[in-house]
Protein backbone atom coordinates (compact mmCIF):
# COMPACT_ATOMS: atom_id res chain seq x y z
CA UNK A 1 -11.59 69.96 8.49
CA UNK A 2 -9.91 68.87 11.66
CA UNK A 3 -8.67 65.31 11.89
CA UNK A 4 -8.84 63.39 15.13
CA UNK A 5 -6.47 60.48 15.63
CA UNK A 6 -7.79 57.42 17.36
CA UNK A 7 -5.77 54.71 19.08
CA UNK A 8 -3.55 52.31 17.14
CA UNK A 9 -5.30 49.12 16.13
CA UNK A 10 -2.46 46.67 15.55
CA UNK A 11 -0.20 48.53 13.16
CA UNK A 12 -3.05 50.41 11.50
CA UNK A 13 -3.56 54.04 12.49
CA UNK A 14 -7.18 55.12 12.16
CA UNK A 15 -8.28 58.69 11.72
CA UNK A 16 -11.73 60.18 11.46
CA UNK A 17 -12.79 63.53 10.15
CA UNK A 18 -14.80 65.21 12.92
CA UNK A 19 -17.85 66.11 10.80
CA UNK A 20 -18.15 62.48 9.67
CA UNK A 21 -18.93 61.11 13.11
CA UNK A 22 -22.21 59.24 13.32
CA UNK A 23 -24.70 60.61 15.81
CA UNK A 24 -27.56 58.82 17.54
CA UNK A 25 -29.92 60.77 15.30
CA UNK A 26 -28.10 59.43 12.22
CA UNK A 27 -28.35 55.89 13.55
CA UNK A 28 -32.05 56.30 14.28
CA UNK A 29 -32.68 57.67 10.77
CA UNK A 30 -30.70 54.77 9.27
CA UNK A 31 -32.67 52.26 11.35
CA UNK A 32 -35.98 53.75 10.17
CA UNK A 33 -34.93 53.58 6.50
CA UNK A 34 -33.64 50.04 6.94
CA UNK A 35 -36.84 48.89 8.65
CA UNK A 36 -38.93 50.50 5.91
CA UNK A 37 -36.94 48.72 3.18
CA UNK A 38 -37.18 45.38 5.03
CA UNK A 39 -40.95 45.80 5.37
CA UNK A 40 -41.27 46.55 1.66
CA UNK A 41 -39.20 43.47 0.73
CA UNK A 42 -41.22 41.24 3.06
CA UNK A 43 -44.52 42.58 1.69
CA UNK A 44 -43.36 41.86 -1.87
CA UNK A 45 -42.42 38.28 -0.96
CA UNK A 46 -45.61 37.58 0.99
CA UNK A 47 -47.98 39.06 -1.59
CA UNK A 48 -50.08 36.46 -3.39
CA UNK A 49 -48.22 34.88 -6.26
CA UNK A 50 -50.04 33.51 -9.28
CA UNK A 51 -49.73 29.72 -9.32
CA UNK A 52 -47.94 28.21 -12.28
CA UNK A 53 -50.20 27.19 -15.17
CA UNK A 54 -48.39 23.92 -15.92
CA UNK A 55 -47.79 21.13 -13.41
CA UNK A 56 -45.39 18.20 -13.57
CA UNK A 57 -46.47 14.61 -12.91
CA UNK A 58 -45.19 14.53 -9.32
CA UNK A 59 -47.19 17.68 -8.53
CA UNK A 60 -50.40 16.20 -9.94
CA UNK A 61 -49.77 12.92 -8.08
CA UNK A 62 -49.29 14.87 -4.86
CA UNK A 63 -52.40 17.01 -5.51
CA UNK A 64 -54.62 14.02 -6.22
CA UNK A 65 -52.83 11.52 -3.96
CA UNK A 66 -52.23 9.12 -6.87
CA UNK A 67 -49.57 6.52 -7.54
CA UNK A 68 -47.46 6.85 -10.71
CA UNK A 69 -49.32 3.88 -12.23
CA UNK A 70 -52.75 5.36 -11.57
CA UNK A 71 -51.73 8.67 -13.11
CA UNK A 72 -50.40 6.79 -16.15
CA UNK A 73 -53.73 4.95 -16.46
CA UNK A 74 -55.68 8.23 -16.27
CA UNK A 75 -53.46 9.66 -19.01
CA UNK A 76 -53.82 6.56 -21.20
CA UNK A 77 -57.61 6.39 -20.99
CA UNK A 78 -57.93 10.15 -21.67
CA UNK A 79 -59.31 11.11 -18.26
CA UNK A 80 -56.51 13.61 -17.66
CA UNK A 81 -55.29 15.65 -20.64
CA UNK A 82 -51.55 16.28 -20.80
CA UNK A 83 -48.79 17.73 -22.95
CA UNK A 84 -45.50 16.00 -23.60
CA UNK A 85 -42.43 18.08 -24.39
CA UNK A 86 -39.40 15.92 -24.94
CA UNK A 87 -39.50 13.42 -22.10
CA UNK A 88 -41.39 15.65 -19.67
CA UNK A 89 -45.14 15.48 -19.18
CA UNK A 90 -47.07 18.59 -18.17
CA UNK A 91 -50.66 19.05 -17.03
CA UNK A 92 -52.71 22.23 -17.22
CA UNK A 93 -53.73 23.28 -13.71
CA UNK A 94 -57.17 24.35 -14.99
CA UNK A 95 -57.75 20.89 -16.50
CA UNK A 96 -57.00 19.27 -13.14
CA UNK A 97 -59.32 21.70 -11.31
CA UNK A 98 -62.05 21.10 -13.91
CA UNK A 99 -61.66 17.32 -13.55
CA UNK A 100 -62.08 17.60 -9.79
CA UNK A 101 -65.15 19.83 -10.15
CA UNK A 102 -66.91 17.65 -12.74
CA UNK A 103 -66.13 14.42 -10.88
CA UNK A 104 -67.92 15.50 -7.71
CA UNK A 105 -70.42 12.98 -6.44
CA UNK A 106 -73.46 14.53 -4.86
CA UNK A 107 -75.06 12.57 -2.05
């Protein structure tokens, strides 16, 4: 293998082995592989993600456009079922969807 010396860069001497030079074909092949991997990663991120089963109070308030007091009242009177773990309150997404469906007013 023949070594080719390139110019001094500062005090560092750089050398390259001739058969390790990168050709345009190598760059094009690398670009194609890179683009393919990027596309795969993007497709994985964009694919539909299952929504979480349990919601926190702020998420339910945002979903239903409720104040904290109104949500508390709906919990207290049993309108919205919930689960308390420690100090956190969780709501089942299906319960919220069911509540919305059964509370529809037909005109």
